[in-house]
Protein backbone atom coordinates (compact mmCIF):
# COMPACT_ATOMS: atom_id res chain seq x y z
CA MET A 1 0.34 0.09 0.04
CA GLN A 2 1.60 3.59 -0.91
CA THR A 3 0.84 5.88 1.83
CA ARG A 4 0.48 9.30 0.27
CA GLN A 5 3.51 12.12 2.34
CA PRO A 6 2.32 15.33 2.76
CA ALA A 7 3.71 18.59 1.52
CA LEU A 8 7.02 20.19 2.33
CA HIS A 9 5.51 23.71 0.62
CA ASN A 10 2.53 25.56 -0.89
CA GLN A 11 2.34 23.55 -4.72
CA LYS A 12 0.99 27.14 -5.73
CA SER A 13 3.85 29.28 -7.99
CA GLU A 14 2.96 32.69 -6.50
CA MET A 15 2.34 34.22 -3.06
CA ILE A 16 1.65 37.33 -4.25
CA PRO A 17 -0.52 37.79 -7.37
CA ASN A 18 1.68 40.32 -9.82
CA ALA A 19 -0.86 42.58 -9.89
CA LEU A 20 0.09 43.91 -7.15
CA LEU A 21 3.91 43.21 -7.15
CA ARG A 22 3.21 45.54 -10.67
CA ALA A 23 1.55 48.21 -8.64
CA MET A 24 3.67 48.51 -6.39
CA PHE A 25 6.23 48.87 -7.79
CA ALA A 26 4.62 51.85 -10.14
CA LEU A 27 3.55 53.02 -6.79
CA ALA A 28 7.17 53.55 -6.15
CA VAL A 29 8.13 55.07 -9.62
CA VAL A 30 5.54 57.79 -9.14
CA THR A 31 6.16 58.78 -6.19
CA LEU A 32 9.98 58.97 -7.76
CA ALA A 33 9.18 60.65 -10.35
CA ILE A 34 7.03 62.87 -8.79
CA THR A 35 9.61 63.90 -6.23
CA THR A 36 11.82 64.22 -8.54
CA ALA A 37 9.81 67.20 -10.96
CA ALA A 38 9.33 68.98 -7.56
CA VAL A 39 13.10 68.79 -6.59
CA VAL A 40 14.18 69.57 -10.30
CA SER A 41 11.63 71.71 -11.00
CA GLY A 42 12.75 74.00 -7.72
CA ARG A 43 8.98 74.25 -6.10
CA PRO A 44 9.06 75.73 -2.94
CA THR A 45 8.77 73.37 0.06
CA VAL A 46 4.73 73.69 1.64
CA GLY A 47 3.32 72.06 4.89
CA GLN A 48 6.67 73.88 7.25
CA PRO A 49 5.70 76.52 9.56
CA LYS A 50 5.76 79.80 8.98
CA PRO A 51 8.66 81.99 10.33
CA SER A 52 8.06 83.89 13.59
CA GLU A 53 8.52 85.91 16.29
CA VAL A 54 10.17 84.14 19.79
CA VAL A 55 7.79 84.85 22.78
CA ALA A 56 9.54 83.28 25.87
CA SER A 57 12.24 79.79 25.70
CA ARG A 58 12.75 79.05 28.90
CA ALA A 59 16.11 76.30 28.92
CA ILE A 60 15.79 73.25 31.13
CA ILE A 61 17.68 69.57 31.11
CA LEU A 62 15.64 66.05 31.14
CA GLU A 63 17.26 63.07 32.41
CA GLY A 64 15.66 59.80 32.21
CA LEU A 65 16.55 58.10 35.02
CA ASP A 66 14.94 54.37 33.65
CA ALA A 67 12.07 53.78 31.86
CA GLN A 68 9.02 55.98 32.15
CA ALA A 69 11.12 58.43 35.60
CA VAL A 70 12.63 61.43 33.85
CA THR A 71 13.32 64.72 36.22
CA VAL A 72 13.41 68.42 34.84
CA ARG A 73 16.06 71.28 35.94
CA ASN A 74 17.35 74.66 34.96
CA PRO A 75 20.73 74.69 33.56
CA ASP A 76 22.28 75.89 37.18
CA GLY A 77 20.94 72.29 38.54
CA THR A 78 18.23 73.73 40.00
CA LEU A 79 15.58 70.88 40.21
CA LEU A 80 12.59 71.17 38.61
CA ALA A 81 10.30 69.08 38.31
CA ASP A 82 10.70 64.84 39.22
CA LEU A 83 8.40 62.71 37.16
CA PRO A 84 8.63 58.99 37.99
CA HIS A 85 5.87 59.05 35.50
CA GLY A 86 6.69 61.58 33.13
CA GLY A 87 4.59 60.39 29.90
CA PHE A 88 4.96 62.83 27.09
CA ILE A 89 8.44 64.75 28.60
CA THR A 90 9.67 60.83 29.19
CA VAL A 91 8.99 60.62 24.91
CA ILE A 92 10.51 64.45 23.57
CA GLN A 93 13.54 62.35 26.26
CA ASN A 94 14.21 59.48 24.72
CA ALA A 95 13.39 60.85 21.13
CA MET A 96 16.45 63.73 22.44
CA ALA A 97 18.89 60.94 23.62
CA ARG A 98 18.04 58.62 20.72
CA GLU A 99 18.89 61.79 18.59
CA ARG A 100 22.07 62.31 20.77
CA LEU A 101 23.69 59.29 20.93
CA THR A 102 22.99 58.68 17.36
CA HIS A 103 25.46 62.09 16.91
CA ARG A 104 27.81 61.32 19.82
CA ILE A 105 27.15 64.03 21.31
CA GLU A 106 29.08 64.38 25.65
CA GLY A 107 27.06 64.72 28.47
CA ASN A 108 23.11 66.12 28.70
CA PRO A 109 23.29 69.97 27.17
CA PRO A 110 20.49 71.95 27.57
CA LEU A 111 17.18 71.67 26.17
CA ASN A 112 15.44 74.33 24.50
CA ILE A 113 11.26 75.21 24.85
CA VAL A 114 10.50 77.82 22.82
CA ARG A 115 6.55 79.70 22.20
CA TYR A 116 6.10 81.85 18.79
CA ALA A 117 4.41 83.81 18.67
CA ASN A 118 2.17 82.43 16.03
CA GLY A 119 1.51 79.82 18.72
CA ARG A 120 3.84 77.11 18.43
CA LEU A 121 5.77 75.72 21.27
CA VAL A 122 8.92 73.62 19.76
CA ALA A 123 11.09 71.38 22.02
CA GLU A 124 14.70 72.43 20.59
CA ASP A 125 18.01 70.88 21.06
CA PRO A 126 20.94 73.54 19.80
CA ALA A 127 23.67 70.32 20.14
CA THR A 128 21.94 68.28 17.32
CA GLY A 129 19.63 70.64 16.13
CA TRP A 130 16.39 68.37 16.19
CA SER A 131 13.36 70.14 17.12
CA ALA A 132 10.00 68.51 18.05
CA GLU A 133 6.50 69.90 17.22
CA LEU A 134 5.32 69.83 20.57
CA TYR A 135 1.61 71.72 19.35
CA ALA A 136 1.56 69.22 16.87
CA PHE A 137 1.09 66.10 20.06
CA GLY A 138 -2.15 67.60 21.23
CA GLY A 139 -3.50 69.78 24.30
CA ASP A 140 -3.04 67.52 27.21
CA ASN A 141 1.13 66.97 25.42
CA LYS A 142 1.95 70.97 24.82
CA ALA A 143 0.31 71.23 28.29
CA ALA A 144 2.90 69.51 29.72
CA PHE A 145 5.78 71.33 28.65
CA GLU A 146 3.61 74.41 28.30
CA ARG A 147 3.77 74.16 32.80
CA LEU A 148 7.81 74.15 32.88
CA LEU A 149 7.59 76.93 30.69
CA ASP A 150 5.95 79.30 32.92
CA GLN A 151 7.77 78.20 36.20
């Protein structure tokens, strides 16, 4: 009696339909063509914040203690906040620390919180050029940094 061996792989020759592969390739080519045309034609950039006057600015030092805890200090070392669950402040501290790691920045130089006349609130890292538009992350997250700015 002959026993049937189970198939070790899918007998179907294609896992992804050819039409889908062609569509994905076409999407990539069209995206590159549009981007190239915009760059070559010198089209002005859009979606960037308009320049505005600085209304308020404060330098702070963010120190990550673990996955959630963060302390906020003035550049002279005085404690502004000790947050065991820093929430969004911890997120910004982690992003800043990662950027500083990739730029090989030693120490922990201050981060600037800047409020502009047009309503923007931005965390700017002069050491790396990195910045985060804090107003874009929602009112509660923006308010966390506004409290630090207003202290």
